[in-house]
Amino acid sequence: IKLFGKSYIGASLHYLTRTKLYDESTGDEEVILYSSDILNFINDSDDATSISVVNYSGIDMTLGFAKPLTLFGYENTLFGISAKNILGKLSGDKTVDSVTTTSDLQLPMVITTGVSTSLPFFDNNLLFSNPTFAVDYNIVSSDSDVADSLFIGFEQKAFSETVSIKSGINRGYLVGGISLRLQTKSVQFLELSLGRYVEKYGEGTLYDAHTLDSFSVHVLF
């Protein structure tokens, strides 16, 4: 929806599903298995912990607002704010001690504001497009660490946007990747992406950081 001249507001509804393991005897979704527990599973022992799966699902909503701005003499900058998990309630059936009940999973609302701009480094260049620089910050989220709420990104496309090189800071760590888009002059049909990112497990300042590599294939229509 076009709003206030060159400002825009949008909304989307989406169906979400989450799958979690839980202890059938307690209903606890934080399941810790020691080596003895794993051996009991392998040996099908009567002492093995009873673990089951619950599927949470529901409808959620995201709202967004964006306004183009002028920078470096170009109308190449976009300011935006978005809110997701507005409904944020998923439901699923759990069986605990042979009794089946409906449980709820509440997703925390996240409100993000940010700005992105196209830097005029390669105007009229046949090989490189102007790079994009973006900064986002979660002004409302469940994260207590400021570094977890700040996201900085840089993207450089080349060769008619066939190659894309990305780098940035995510959750306080340097990340990056490269993608190759296979296309003809009129049809885009496949994108290959390779990246490196960091996942943090824990809460607050007590966490373990793990560096992970990813490879993905996207079929484009």
N, C-alpha and C. Protein backbone atom coordinates (compact mmCIF):
# COMPACT_ATOMS: atom_id res chain seq x y z
N ILE A 1 0.85 -1.19 0.00
CA ILE A 1 0.00 0.00 0.00
C ILE A 1 0.88 1.23 0.00
N LYS A 2 0.66 2.13 -0.95
CA LYS A 2 1.42 3.36 -1.01
C LYS A 2 0.84 4.36 -0.02
N LEU A 3 1.69 4.96 0.80
CA LEU A 3 1.22 5.80 1.89
C LEU A 3 2.05 7.06 1.99
N PHE A 4 1.38 8.22 2.16
CA PHE A 4 2.08 9.49 2.36
C PHE A 4 3.11 9.75 1.25
N GLY A 5 2.65 9.77 0.02
CA GLY A 5 3.57 10.02 -1.09
C GLY A 5 4.39 8.78 -1.40
N LYS A 6 5.68 8.83 -1.03
CA LYS A 6 6.57 7.71 -1.34
C LYS A 6 6.91 6.87 -0.11
N SER A 7 5.94 6.71 0.77
CA SER A 7 6.08 5.79 1.89
C SER A 7 5.15 4.61 1.67
N TYR A 8 5.50 3.48 2.29
CA TYR A 8 4.76 2.26 2.04
C TYR A 8 4.51 1.52 3.35
N ILE A 9 3.37 0.86 3.43
CA ILE A 9 3.06 0.01 4.56
C ILE A 9 2.53 -1.32 4.02
N GLY A 10 2.92 -2.39 4.66
CA GLY A 10 2.49 -3.70 4.19
C GLY A 10 2.24 -4.65 5.34
N ALA A 11 1.48 -5.71 5.06
CA ALA A 11 1.18 -6.72 6.07
C ALA A 11 1.15 -8.08 5.40
N SER A 12 1.54 -9.09 6.15
CA SER A 12 1.49 -10.46 5.62
C SER A 12 1.08 -11.42 6.71
N LEU A 13 0.28 -12.41 6.33
CA LEU A 13 -0.10 -13.51 7.20
C LEU A 13 0.67 -14.75 6.76
N HIS A 14 1.17 -15.53 7.70
CA HIS A 14 1.89 -16.74 7.34
C HIS A 14 1.63 -17.84 8.35
N TYR A 15 1.72 -19.05 7.85
CA TYR A 15 1.52 -20.24 8.68
C TYR A 15 2.87 -20.72 9.18
N LEU A 16 2.98 -20.91 10.49
CA LEU A 16 4.23 -21.33 11.11
C LEU A 16 4.08 -22.69 11.74
N THR A 17 5.15 -23.47 11.73
CA THR A 17 5.17 -24.74 12.43
C THR A 17 6.52 -24.92 13.11
N ARG A 18 6.52 -25.44 14.32
CA ARG A 18 7.73 -25.71 15.08
C ARG A 18 7.64 -27.13 15.64
N THR A 19 8.73 -27.86 15.56
CA THR A 19 8.78 -29.22 16.09
C THR A 19 9.78 -29.29 17.22
N LYS A 20 9.36 -29.85 18.37
CA LYS A 20 10.23 -29.93 19.53
C LYS A 20 10.15 -31.32 20.15
N LEU A 21 11.28 -31.75 20.72
CA LEU A 21 11.32 -32.97 21.51
C LEU A 21 10.89 -32.65 22.94
N TYR A 22 10.30 -33.63 23.60
CA TYR A 22 9.97 -33.43 25.02
C TYR A 22 9.99 -34.77 25.75
N ASP A 23 10.15 -34.69 27.05
CA ASP A 23 10.16 -35.86 27.92
C ASP A 23 8.71 -36.25 28.23
N GLU A 24 8.32 -37.46 27.84
CA GLU A 24 6.93 -37.88 28.01
C GLU A 24 6.53 -38.00 29.47
N SER A 25 7.48 -38.19 30.36
CA SER A 25 7.12 -38.37 31.77
C SER A 25 6.91 -37.04 32.48
N THR A 26 7.56 -35.96 32.00
CA THR A 26 7.46 -34.66 32.67
C THR A 26 6.88 -33.56 31.77
N GLY A 27 6.94 -33.75 30.46
CA GLY A 27 6.51 -32.71 29.54
C GLY A 27 7.57 -31.65 29.29
N ASP A 28 8.74 -31.81 29.92
CA ASP A 28 9.82 -30.83 29.79
C ASP A 28 10.40 -30.89 28.38
N GLU A 29 10.54 -29.71 27.75
CA GLU A 29 11.06 -29.65 26.38
C GLU A 29 12.57 -29.43 26.35
N GLU A 30 13.20 -29.38 27.50
CA GLU A 30 14.66 -29.34 27.57
C GLU A 30 15.12 -30.74 27.97
N VAL A 31 15.53 -31.51 26.96
CA VAL A 31 15.90 -32.91 27.16
C VAL A 31 17.42 -33.03 27.14
N ILE A 32 17.98 -33.52 28.22
CA ILE A 32 19.43 -33.72 28.32
C ILE A 32 19.71 -35.23 28.37
N LEU A 33 20.50 -35.70 27.43
CA LEU A 33 20.82 -37.12 27.36
C LEU A 33 22.30 -37.33 27.66
N TYR A 34 22.57 -38.19 28.62
CA TYR A 34 23.94 -38.57 28.93
C TYR A 34 24.29 -39.85 28.18
N SER A 35 25.55 -40.24 28.24
CA SER A 35 25.98 -41.43 27.51
C SER A 35 25.19 -42.67 27.93
N SER A 36 24.85 -42.77 29.22
CA SER A 36 24.07 -43.92 29.69
C SER A 36 22.68 -43.92 29.09
N ASP A 37 22.08 -42.72 28.90
CA ASP A 37 20.76 -42.64 28.28
C ASP A 37 20.80 -43.10 26.83
N ILE A 38 21.86 -42.71 26.11
CA ILE A 38 22.00 -43.10 24.71
C ILE A 38 22.15 -44.62 24.61
N LEU A 39 22.94 -45.20 25.51
CA LEU A 39 23.10 -46.66 25.52
C LEU A 39 21.78 -47.36 25.82
N ASN A 40 20.97 -46.80 26.70
CA ASN A 40 19.66 -47.39 26.99
C ASN A 40 18.76 -47.37 25.76
N PHE A 41 18.86 -46.29 24.96
CA PHE A 41 18.09 -46.24 23.72
C PHE A 41 18.55 -47.32 22.74
N ILE A 42 19.86 -47.42 22.59
CA ILE A 42 20.42 -48.39 21.65
C ILE A 42 20.02 -49.82 22.05
N ASN A 43 20.07 -50.09 23.35
CA ASN A 43 19.77 -51.44 23.85
C ASN A 43 18.29 -51.66 24.10
N ASP A 44 17.46 -50.63 23.80
CA ASP A 44 16.01 -50.73 24.00
C ASP A 44 15.69 -51.14 25.43
N SER A 45 16.37 -50.50 26.36
CA SER A 45 16.21 -50.83 27.78
C SER A 45 14.92 -50.23 28.34
N ASP A 46 14.37 -50.89 29.35
CA ASP A 46 13.18 -50.36 30.02
C ASP A 46 13.48 -49.06 30.77
N ASP A 47 14.76 -48.81 31.03
CA ASP A 47 15.17 -47.60 31.75
C ASP A 47 15.37 -46.40 30.81
N ALA A 48 15.16 -46.61 29.51
CA ALA A 48 15.37 -45.53 28.55
C ALA A 48 14.36 -44.41 28.77
N THR A 49 14.81 -43.17 28.66
CA THR A 49 13.92 -42.02 28.80
C THR A 49 12.91 -41.99 27.66
N SER A 50 11.65 -41.79 28.01
CA SER A 50 10.59 -41.74 27.00
C SER A 50 10.56 -40.34 26.37
N ILE A 51 10.92 -40.27 25.10
CA ILE A 51 10.99 -38.98 24.40
C ILE A 51 10.00 -39.00 23.24
N SER A 52 9.26 -37.93 23.09
CA SER A 52 8.31 -37.82 22.00
C SER A 52 8.48 -36.47 21.31
N VAL A 53 7.64 -36.22 20.32
CA VAL A 53 7.73 -35.01 19.51
C VAL A 53 6.39 -34.28 19.55
N VAL A 54 6.43 -32.96 19.72
CA VAL A 54 5.24 -32.13 19.64
C VAL A 54 5.40 -31.17 18.47
N ASN A 55 4.35 -31.04 17.68
CA ASN A 55 4.34 -30.12 16.54
C ASN A 55 3.45 -28.92 16.88
N TYR A 56 4.06 -27.77 17.04
CA TYR A 56 3.32 -26.53 17.27
C TYR A 56 3.03 -25.86 15.93
N SER A 57 1.85 -25.29 15.77
CA SER A 57 1.52 -24.60 14.52
C SER A 57 0.51 -23.49 14.79
N GLY A 58 0.44 -22.55 13.86
CA GLY A 58 -0.50 -21.44 14.00
C GLY A 58 -0.28 -20.38 12.94
N ILE A 59 -1.14 -19.38 12.93
CA ILE A 59 -1.07 -18.27 11.99
C ILE A 59 -0.42 -17.07 12.68
N ASP A 60 0.51 -16.42 11.98
CA ASP A 60 1.17 -15.25 12.53
C ASP A 60 1.09 -14.10 11.54
N MET A 61 1.44 -12.91 12.01
CA MET A 61 1.35 -11.71 11.17
C MET A 61 2.62 -10.87 11.30
N THR A 62 3.01 -10.27 10.18
CA THR A 62 4.12 -9.32 10.14
C THR A 62 3.64 -8.02 9.51
N LEU A 63 3.99 -6.89 10.13
CA LEU A 63 3.68 -5.57 9.60
C LEU A 63 4.98 -4.83 9.29
N GLY A 64 4.96 -4.02 8.24
CA GLY A 64 6.16 -3.27 7.89
C GLY A 64 5.85 -1.90 7.32
N PHE A 65 6.78 -0.98 7.53
CA PHE A 65 6.67 0.38 7.00
C PHE A 65 8.02 0.75 6.38
N ALA A 66 8.00 1.36 5.20
CA ALA A 66 9.23 1.75 4.53
C ALA A 66 9.06 3.12 3.89
N LYS A 67 10.15 3.91 3.92
CA LYS A 67 10.12 5.24 3.31
C LYS A 67 11.43 5.49 2.58
N PRO A 68 11.38 5.76 1.28
CA PRO A 68 12.60 6.11 0.54
C PRO A 68 13.13 7.47 0.97
N LEU A 69 14.47 7.57 1.02
CA LEU A 69 15.13 8.81 1.39
C LEU A 69 16.18 9.15 0.34
N THR A 70 16.65 10.39 0.36
CA THR A 70 17.68 10.83 -0.58
C THR A 70 19.03 10.92 0.13
N LEU A 71 20.05 10.29 -0.47
CA LEU A 71 21.41 10.31 0.08
C LEU A 71 22.39 10.38 -1.08
N PHE A 72 23.45 11.16 -0.91
CA PHE A 72 24.46 11.37 -1.97
C PHE A 72 23.83 11.92 -3.24
N GLY A 73 22.73 12.65 -3.08
CA GLY A 73 22.07 13.22 -4.25
C GLY A 73 21.22 12.23 -5.01
N TYR A 74 21.10 10.99 -4.50
CA TYR A 74 20.29 9.97 -5.16
C TYR A 74 19.16 9.55 -4.22
N GLU A 75 18.05 9.17 -4.79
CA GLU A 75 16.97 8.59 -3.99
C GLU A 75 17.23 7.08 -3.90
N ASN A 76 18.27 6.75 -3.15
CA ASN A 76 18.76 5.37 -3.14
C ASN A 76 18.78 4.75 -1.74
N THR A 77 18.12 5.41 -0.79
CA THR A 77 18.15 4.95 0.59
C THR A 77 16.74 4.61 1.05
N LEU A 78 16.63 3.58 1.87
CA LEU A 78 15.33 3.14 2.35
C LEU A 78 15.38 2.98 3.87
N PHE A 79 14.50 3.68 4.54
CA PHE A 79 14.34 3.52 5.99
C PHE A 79 13.11 2.67 6.25
N GLY A 80 13.21 1.75 7.21
CA GLY A 80 12.06 0.90 7.47
C GLY A 80 11.95 0.46 8.91
N ILE A 81 10.78 0.00 9.26
CA ILE A 81 10.52 -0.59 10.57
C ILE A 81 9.52 -1.71 10.38
N SER A 82 9.74 -2.81 11.07
CA SER A 82 8.85 -3.96 10.92
C SER A 82 8.60 -4.60 12.28
N ALA A 83 7.48 -5.27 12.39
CA ALA A 83 7.11 -6.00 13.60
C ALA A 83 6.66 -7.40 13.19
N LYS A 84 7.30 -8.41 13.75
CA LYS A 84 6.89 -9.79 13.45
C LYS A 84 6.53 -10.52 14.73
N ASN A 85 5.90 -11.67 14.57
CA ASN A 85 5.34 -12.43 15.69
C ASN A 85 4.29 -11.60 16.43
N ILE A 86 3.47 -10.87 15.68
CA ILE A 86 2.45 -10.02 16.30
C ILE A 86 1.39 -10.88 16.98
N LEU A 87 1.00 -11.96 16.34
CA LEU A 87 0.08 -12.90 16.98
C LEU A 87 0.88 -13.84 17.88
N GLY A 88 1.84 -14.50 17.27
CA GLY A 88 2.88 -15.21 18.02
C GLY A 88 2.46 -16.38 18.87
N LYS A 89 1.28 -16.95 18.66
CA LYS A 89 0.84 -18.07 19.49
C LYS A 89 0.65 -19.32 18.65
N LEU A 90 1.42 -20.36 18.96
CA LEU A 90 1.32 -21.65 18.29
C LEU A 90 0.80 -22.68 19.28
N SER A 91 0.07 -23.67 18.77
CA SER A 91 -0.51 -24.70 19.63
C SER A 91 -0.16 -26.08 19.10
N GLY A 92 -0.07 -27.04 20.03
CA GLY A 92 0.22 -28.42 19.66
C GLY A 92 -0.20 -29.37 20.76
N ASP A 93 -0.38 -30.64 20.43
CA ASP A 93 -0.81 -31.65 21.39
C ASP A 93 0.39 -32.40 21.96
N LYS A 94 0.42 -32.49 23.30
CA LYS A 94 1.47 -33.24 24.00
C LYS A 94 0.82 -34.33 24.86
N THR A 95 1.47 -35.49 24.89
CA THR A 95 1.02 -36.58 25.74
C THR A 95 2.01 -36.77 26.87
N VAL A 96 1.56 -36.52 28.10
CA VAL A 96 2.39 -36.64 29.29
C VAL A 96 1.71 -37.60 30.25
N ASP A 97 2.41 -38.66 30.63
CA ASP A 97 1.83 -39.70 31.51
C ASP A 97 0.51 -40.22 30.95
N SER A 98 0.53 -40.47 29.63
CA SER A 98 -0.63 -41.06 28.92
C SER A 98 -1.83 -40.12 28.85
N VAL A 99 -1.66 -38.84 29.18
CA VAL A 99 -2.73 -37.85 29.09
C VAL A 99 -2.37 -36.82 28.02
N THR A 100 -3.25 -36.66 27.04
CA THR A 100 -2.99 -35.74 25.93
C THR A 100 -3.68 -34.40 26.19
N THR A 101 -2.90 -33.35 26.15
CA THR A 101 -3.42 -31.99 26.35
C THR A 101 -2.87 -31.08 25.26
N THR A 102 -3.51 -29.94 25.08
CA THR A 102 -3.06 -28.95 24.11
C THR A 102 -2.15 -27.94 24.82
N SER A 103 -0.94 -27.76 24.28
CA SER A 103 0.03 -26.82 24.85
C SER A 103 0.24 -25.67 23.88
N ASP A 104 0.60 -24.52 24.43
CA ASP A 104 0.85 -23.32 23.64
C ASP A 104 2.33 -22.96 23.66
N LEU A 105 2.78 -22.42 22.55
CA LEU A 105 4.14 -21.90 22.43
C LEU A 105 4.03 -20.44 22.02
N GLN A 106 4.51 -19.54 22.87
CA GLN A 106 4.43 -18.10 22.60
C GLN A 106 5.73 -17.61 22.00
N LEU A 107 5.66 -17.08 20.78
CA LEU A 107 6.85 -16.53 20.12
C LEU A 107 7.01 -15.07 20.52
N PRO A 108 8.20 -14.65 20.94
CA PRO A 108 8.39 -13.25 21.35
C PRO A 108 8.30 -12.30 20.16
N MET A 109 7.63 -11.18 20.38
CA MET A 109 7.54 -10.17 19.32
C MET A 109 8.90 -9.54 19.09
N VAL A 110 9.20 -9.28 17.81
CA VAL A 110 10.45 -8.62 17.43
C VAL A 110 10.11 -7.40 16.58
N ILE A 111 10.56 -6.23 17.03
CA ILE A 111 10.38 -4.99 16.26
C ILE A 111 11.77 -4.51 15.83
N THR A 112 11.93 -4.38 14.53
CA THR A 112 13.24 -4.05 13.95
C THR A 112 13.14 -2.76 13.15
N THR A 113 14.12 -1.90 13.31
CA THR A 113 14.23 -0.71 12.47
C THR A 113 15.59 -0.73 11.78
N GLY A 114 15.65 -0.11 10.62
CA GLY A 114 16.92 -0.14 9.90
C GLY A 114 16.92 0.76 8.69
N VAL A 115 18.08 0.83 8.08
CA VAL A 115 18.25 1.65 6.89
C VAL A 115 19.18 0.92 5.93
N SER A 116 18.90 1.01 4.64
CA SER A 116 19.77 0.44 3.62
C SER A 116 19.97 1.47 2.52
N THR A 117 21.15 1.45 1.91
CA THR A 117 21.46 2.42 0.87
C THR A 117 22.36 1.80 -0.18
N SER A 118 22.20 2.26 -1.39
CA SER A 118 23.07 1.87 -2.50
C SER A 118 24.18 2.90 -2.62
N LEU A 119 25.42 2.46 -2.44
CA LEU A 119 26.57 3.37 -2.47
C LEU A 119 27.01 3.61 -3.91
N PRO A 120 27.13 4.88 -4.34
CA PRO A 120 27.42 5.20 -5.75
C PRO A 120 28.90 5.05 -6.11
N PHE A 121 29.41 3.82 -5.98
CA PHE A 121 30.82 3.57 -6.28
C PHE A 121 31.04 3.20 -7.74
N PHE A 122 30.04 2.55 -8.34
CA PHE A 122 30.25 1.99 -9.68
C PHE A 122 29.14 2.42 -10.64
N ASP A 123 28.85 3.71 -10.67
CA ASP A 123 27.87 4.20 -11.63
C ASP A 123 28.35 3.94 -13.05
N ASN A 124 27.43 3.42 -13.86
CA ASN A 124 27.72 3.16 -15.28
C ASN A 124 28.87 2.17 -15.48
N ASN A 125 29.07 1.27 -14.53
CA ASN A 125 30.11 0.24 -14.66
C ASN A 125 29.48 -1.03 -15.20
N LEU A 126 30.09 -1.61 -16.23
CA LEU A 126 29.52 -2.79 -16.88
C LEU A 126 29.73 -4.07 -16.07
N LEU A 127 30.72 -4.09 -15.18
CA LEU A 127 31.03 -5.31 -14.43
C LEU A 127 30.41 -5.33 -13.04
N PHE A 128 30.44 -4.19 -12.34
CA PHE A 128 30.00 -4.15 -10.96
C PHE A 128 28.79 -3.25 -10.79
N SER A 129 27.85 -3.71 -9.97
CA SER A 129 26.73 -2.87 -9.56
C SER A 129 27.13 -2.06 -8.34
N ASN A 130 26.39 -1.01 -8.04
CA ASN A 130 26.65 -0.26 -6.83
C ASN A 130 26.39 -1.15 -5.61
N PRO A 131 27.32 -1.20 -4.67
CA PRO A 131 27.12 -2.07 -3.49
C PRO A 131 26.01 -1.54 -2.59
N THR A 132 25.44 -2.46 -1.82
CA THR A 132 24.38 -2.12 -0.87
C THR A 132 24.91 -2.27 0.55
N PHE A 133 24.65 -1.26 1.38
CA PHE A 133 25.05 -1.28 2.79
C PHE A 133 23.80 -1.14 3.63
N ALA A 134 23.67 -1.96 4.67
CA ALA A 134 22.46 -1.95 5.49
C ALA A 134 22.80 -2.13 6.96
N VAL A 135 22.01 -1.48 7.81
CA VAL A 135 22.13 -1.61 9.27
C VAL A 135 20.73 -1.82 9.83
N ASP A 136 20.55 -2.87 10.63
CA ASP A 136 19.28 -3.14 11.30
C ASP A 136 19.52 -3.26 12.79
N TYR A 137 18.49 -2.90 13.57
CA TYR A 137 18.60 -3.03 15.02
C TYR A 137 17.24 -3.44 15.58
N ASN A 138 17.25 -4.49 16.40
CA ASN A 138 16.02 -4.94 17.05
C ASN A 138 15.76 -4.07 18.27
N ILE A 139 14.79 -3.18 18.17
CA ILE A 139 14.49 -2.30 19.29
C ILE A 139 13.62 -3.01 20.33
N VAL A 140 12.94 -4.06 19.92
CA VAL A 140 12.18 -4.91 20.84
C VAL A 140 12.46 -6.36 20.47
N SER A 141 12.99 -7.13 21.42
CA SER A 141 13.25 -8.55 21.19
C SER A 141 13.53 -9.21 22.53
N SER A 142 13.69 -10.53 22.49
CA SER A 142 14.00 -11.27 23.72
C SER A 142 15.49 -11.26 24.03
N ASP A 143 16.31 -10.70 23.14
CA ASP A 143 17.76 -10.66 23.35
C ASP A 143 18.11 -9.57 24.37
N SER A 144 18.94 -9.93 25.33
CA SER A 144 19.37 -8.95 26.33
C SER A 144 20.71 -8.31 25.97
N ASP A 145 21.46 -8.95 25.07
CA ASP A 145 22.77 -8.45 24.66
C ASP A 145 22.59 -7.53 23.46
N VAL A 146 23.16 -6.32 23.54
CA VAL A 146 23.04 -5.35 22.44
C VAL A 146 23.62 -5.92 21.15
N ALA A 147 24.72 -6.66 21.25
CA ALA A 147 25.35 -7.21 20.05
C ALA A 147 24.43 -8.18 19.32
N ASP A 148 23.54 -8.86 20.06
CA ASP A 148 22.62 -9.80 19.43
C ASP A 148 21.51 -9.09 18.66
N SER A 149 21.32 -7.81 18.92
CA SER A 149 20.24 -7.06 18.28
C SER A 149 20.72 -6.22 17.11
N LEU A 150 22.03 -6.15 16.87
CA LEU A 150 22.60 -5.31 15.82
C LEU A 150 23.06 -6.16 14.64
N PHE A 151 22.67 -5.75 13.44
CA PHE A 151 23.02 -6.47 12.22
C PHE A 151 23.53 -5.47 11.19
N ILE A 152 24.71 -5.72 10.67
CA ILE A 152 25.32 -4.85 9.67
C ILE A 152 25.68 -5.71 8.46
N GLY A 153 25.32 -5.25 7.27
CA GLY A 153 25.57 -6.05 6.08
C GLY A 153 26.06 -5.23 4.91
N PHE A 154 26.84 -5.88 4.05
CA PHE A 154 27.38 -5.26 2.84
C PHE A 154 27.28 -6.29 1.72
N GLU A 155 26.75 -5.87 0.57
CA GLU A 155 26.60 -6.79 -0.56
C GLU A 155 27.11 -6.14 -1.83
N GLN A 156 27.97 -6.87 -2.54
CA GLN A 156 28.51 -6.40 -3.82
C GLN A 156 28.13 -7.40 -4.92
N LYS A 157 27.38 -6.93 -5.92
CA LYS A 157 27.00 -7.78 -7.05
C LYS A 157 27.86 -7.43 -8.25
N ALA A 158 28.10 -8.46 -9.08
CA ALA A 158 28.97 -8.27 -10.25
C ALA A 158 28.47 -9.11 -11.40
N PHE A 159 28.95 -8.76 -12.59
CA PHE A 159 28.63 -9.51 -13.81
C PHE A 159 27.13 -9.64 -14.01
N SER A 160 26.46 -8.47 -14.11
CA SER A 160 25.01 -8.41 -14.30
C SER A 160 24.27 -9.13 -13.19
N GLU A 161 24.79 -8.99 -11.97
CA GLU A 161 24.20 -9.56 -10.76
C GLU A 161 24.22 -11.09 -10.76
N THR A 162 25.11 -11.67 -11.55
CA THR A 162 25.27 -13.13 -11.54
C THR A 162 25.99 -13.57 -10.27
N VAL A 163 26.97 -12.79 -9.80
CA VAL A 163 27.74 -13.11 -8.61
C VAL A 163 27.41 -12.08 -7.53
N SER A 164 27.21 -12.58 -6.31
CA SER A 164 26.93 -11.71 -5.18
C SER A 164 27.85 -12.08 -4.02
N ILE A 165 28.60 -11.10 -3.52
CA ILE A 165 29.49 -11.31 -2.37
C ILE A 165 28.91 -10.54 -1.18
N LYS A 166 28.73 -11.24 -0.06
CA LYS A 166 28.11 -10.63 1.10
C LYS A 166 29.01 -10.77 2.32
N SER A 167 29.02 -9.74 3.15
CA SER A 167 29.74 -9.79 4.42
C SER A 167 29.02 -8.92 5.42
N GLY A 168 29.33 -9.13 6.70
CA GLY A 168 28.67 -8.31 7.69
C GLY A 168 28.94 -8.78 9.10
N ILE A 169 28.19 -8.20 10.02
CA ILE A 169 28.28 -8.55 11.44
C ILE A 169 26.90 -9.03 11.87
N ASN A 170 26.85 -10.24 12.40
CA ASN A 170 25.61 -10.84 12.85
C ASN A 170 25.80 -11.36 14.27
N ARG A 171 25.02 -10.84 15.21
CA ARG A 171 25.09 -11.27 16.61
C ARG A 171 26.49 -11.11 17.18
N GLY A 172 27.19 -10.06 16.71
CA GLY A 172 28.51 -9.74 17.24
C GLY A 172 29.66 -10.45 16.56
N TYR A 173 29.40 -11.21 15.49
CA TYR A 173 30.45 -11.97 14.82
C TYR A 173 30.48 -11.65 13.33
N LEU A 174 31.68 -11.74 12.76
CA LEU A 174 31.85 -11.48 11.34
C LEU A 174 31.36 -12.68 10.53
N VAL A 175 30.51 -12.43 9.55
CA VAL A 175 29.95 -13.49 8.72
C VAL A 175 30.11 -13.08 7.25
N GLY A 176 29.89 -14.02 6.36
CA GLY A 176 30.01 -13.70 4.94
C GLY A 176 29.63 -14.87 4.06
N GLY A 177 29.59 -14.60 2.76
CA GLY A 177 29.24 -15.65 1.83
C GLY A 177 29.29 -15.17 0.40
N ILE A 178 29.06 -16.10 -0.51
CA ILE A 178 29.04 -15.80 -1.93
C ILE A 178 27.95 -16.62 -2.59
N SER A 179 27.29 -16.05 -3.57
CA SER A 179 26.24 -16.78 -4.29
C SER A 179 26.43 -16.59 -5.79
N LEU A 180 26.01 -17.61 -6.53
CA LEU A 180 26.10 -17.62 -7.98
C LEU A 180 24.71 -17.88 -8.53
N ARG A 181 24.22 -16.96 -9.34
CA ARG A 181 22.89 -17.09 -9.91
C ARG A 181 23.00 -17.46 -11.38
N LEU A 182 22.44 -18.62 -11.73
CA LEU A 182 22.47 -19.10 -13.10
C LEU A 182 21.21 -18.59 -13.81
N GLN A 183 21.41 -17.90 -14.92
CA GLN A 183 20.29 -17.27 -15.58
C GLN A 183 20.60 -17.02 -17.05
N THR A 184 19.53 -16.83 -17.81
CA THR A 184 19.65 -16.35 -19.18
C THR A 184 19.30 -14.87 -19.17
N LYS A 185 19.18 -14.27 -20.33
CA LYS A 185 18.86 -12.85 -20.38
C LYS A 185 17.49 -12.55 -19.81
N SER A 186 16.56 -13.51 -19.87
CA SER A 186 15.19 -13.24 -19.44
C SER A 186 14.70 -14.14 -18.32
N VAL A 187 15.44 -15.23 -18.01
CA VAL A 187 14.94 -16.20 -17.04
C VAL A 187 16.03 -16.51 -16.00
N GLN A 188 15.67 -16.41 -14.72
CA GLN A 188 16.53 -16.84 -13.62
C GLN A 188 16.02 -18.19 -13.14
N PHE A 189 16.91 -19.20 -13.04
CA PHE A 189 16.38 -20.52 -12.73
C PHE A 189 17.11 -21.23 -11.58
N LEU A 190 18.30 -20.80 -11.17
CA LEU A 190 19.00 -21.51 -10.11
C LEU A 190 19.99 -20.58 -9.40
N GLU A 191 20.07 -20.70 -8.07
CA GLU A 191 21.03 -19.92 -7.30
C GLU A 191 21.76 -20.84 -6.32
N LEU A 192 23.08 -20.78 -6.34
CA LEU A 192 23.92 -21.57 -5.45
C LEU A 192 24.57 -20.61 -4.45
N SER A 193 24.49 -20.95 -3.16
CA SER A 193 25.00 -20.06 -2.12
C SER A 193 25.89 -20.81 -1.15
N LEU A 194 27.01 -20.18 -0.79
CA LEU A 194 27.95 -20.73 0.19
C LEU A 194 28.22 -19.65 1.22
N GLY A 195 28.09 -19.98 2.51
CA GLY A 195 28.26 -18.96 3.52
C GLY A 195 28.84 -19.49 4.81
N ARG A 196 29.26 -18.57 5.66
CA ARG A 196 29.76 -18.89 7.00
C ARG A 196 29.07 -17.97 7.99
N TYR A 197 28.54 -18.57 9.07
CA TYR A 197 27.82 -17.79 10.07
C TYR A 197 28.08 -18.38 11.45
N VAL A 198 27.56 -17.71 12.48
CA VAL A 198 27.79 -18.11 13.86
C VAL A 198 26.46 -18.29 14.56
N GLU A 199 26.32 -19.40 15.26
CA GLU A 199 25.15 -19.65 16.11
C GLU A 199 25.58 -19.58 17.57
N LYS A 200 24.77 -18.90 18.38
CA LYS A 200 25.06 -18.79 19.81
C LYS A 200 24.03 -19.59 20.59
N TYR A 201 24.53 -20.49 21.45
CA TYR A 201 23.64 -21.32 22.25
C TYR A 201 23.81 -20.94 23.71
N GLY A 202 22.72 -20.53 24.35
CA GLY A 202 22.76 -20.12 25.74
C GLY A 202 21.93 -18.87 25.93
N GLU A 203 22.06 -18.24 27.08
CA GLU A 203 21.30 -17.04 27.40
C GLU A 203 22.22 -15.95 27.93
N GLY A 204 21.90 -14.69 27.54
CA GLY A 204 22.68 -13.56 28.04
C GLY A 204 24.15 -13.67 27.68
N THR A 205 25.01 -13.50 28.69
CA THR A 205 26.45 -13.60 28.47
C THR A 205 26.97 -15.02 28.63
N LEU A 206 26.10 -15.96 29.00
CA LEU A 206 26.50 -17.35 29.16
C LEU A 206 26.08 -18.13 27.93
N TYR A 207 26.99 -18.29 27.00
CA TYR A 207 26.65 -18.98 25.75
C TYR A 207 27.91 -19.59 25.15
N ASP A 208 27.68 -20.51 24.23
CA ASP A 208 28.75 -21.08 23.40
C ASP A 208 28.50 -20.63 21.97
N ALA A 209 29.54 -20.14 21.31
CA ALA A 209 29.44 -19.69 19.92
C ALA A 209 30.05 -20.75 19.01
N HIS A 210 29.32 -21.13 17.97
CA HIS A 210 29.79 -22.15 17.04
C HIS A 210 29.78 -21.57 15.62
N THR A 211 30.91 -21.68 14.94
CA THR A 211 31.02 -21.23 13.56
C THR A 211 30.57 -22.35 12.63
N LEU A 212 29.62 -22.05 11.74
CA LEU A 212 29.04 -23.05 10.87
C LEU A 212 29.17 -22.61 9.42
N ASP A 213 29.33 -23.59 8.53
CA ASP A 213 29.34 -23.34 7.10
C ASP A 213 28.03 -23.87 6.50
N SER A 214 27.52 -23.16 5.52
CA SER A 214 26.25 -23.56 4.91
C SER A 214 26.38 -23.55 3.39
N PHE A 215 25.62 -24.44 2.77
CA PHE A 215 25.51 -24.48 1.31
C PHE A 215 24.05 -24.69 0.97
N SER A 216 23.52 -23.89 0.07
CA SER A 216 22.12 -24.00 -0.29
C SER A 216 21.94 -23.86 -1.79
N VAL A 217 20.87 -24.48 -2.27
CA VAL A 217 20.48 -24.40 -3.67
C VAL A 217 19.05 -23.89 -3.74
N HIS A 218 18.83 -22.82 -4.48
CA HIS A 218 17.51 -22.23 -4.61
C HIS A 218 17.04 -22.35 -6.06
N VAL A 219 15.86 -22.91 -6.24
CA VAL A 219 15.24 -22.99 -7.57
C VAL A 219 14.36 -21.76 -7.74
N LEU A 220 14.59 -20.97 -8.77
CA LEU A 220 13.89 -19.70 -8.98
C LEU A 220 12.81 -19.88 -10.03
N PHE A 221 11.69 -19.22 -9.77
CA PHE A 221 10.56 -19.28 -10.72
C PHE A 221 10.25 -17.88 -11.22
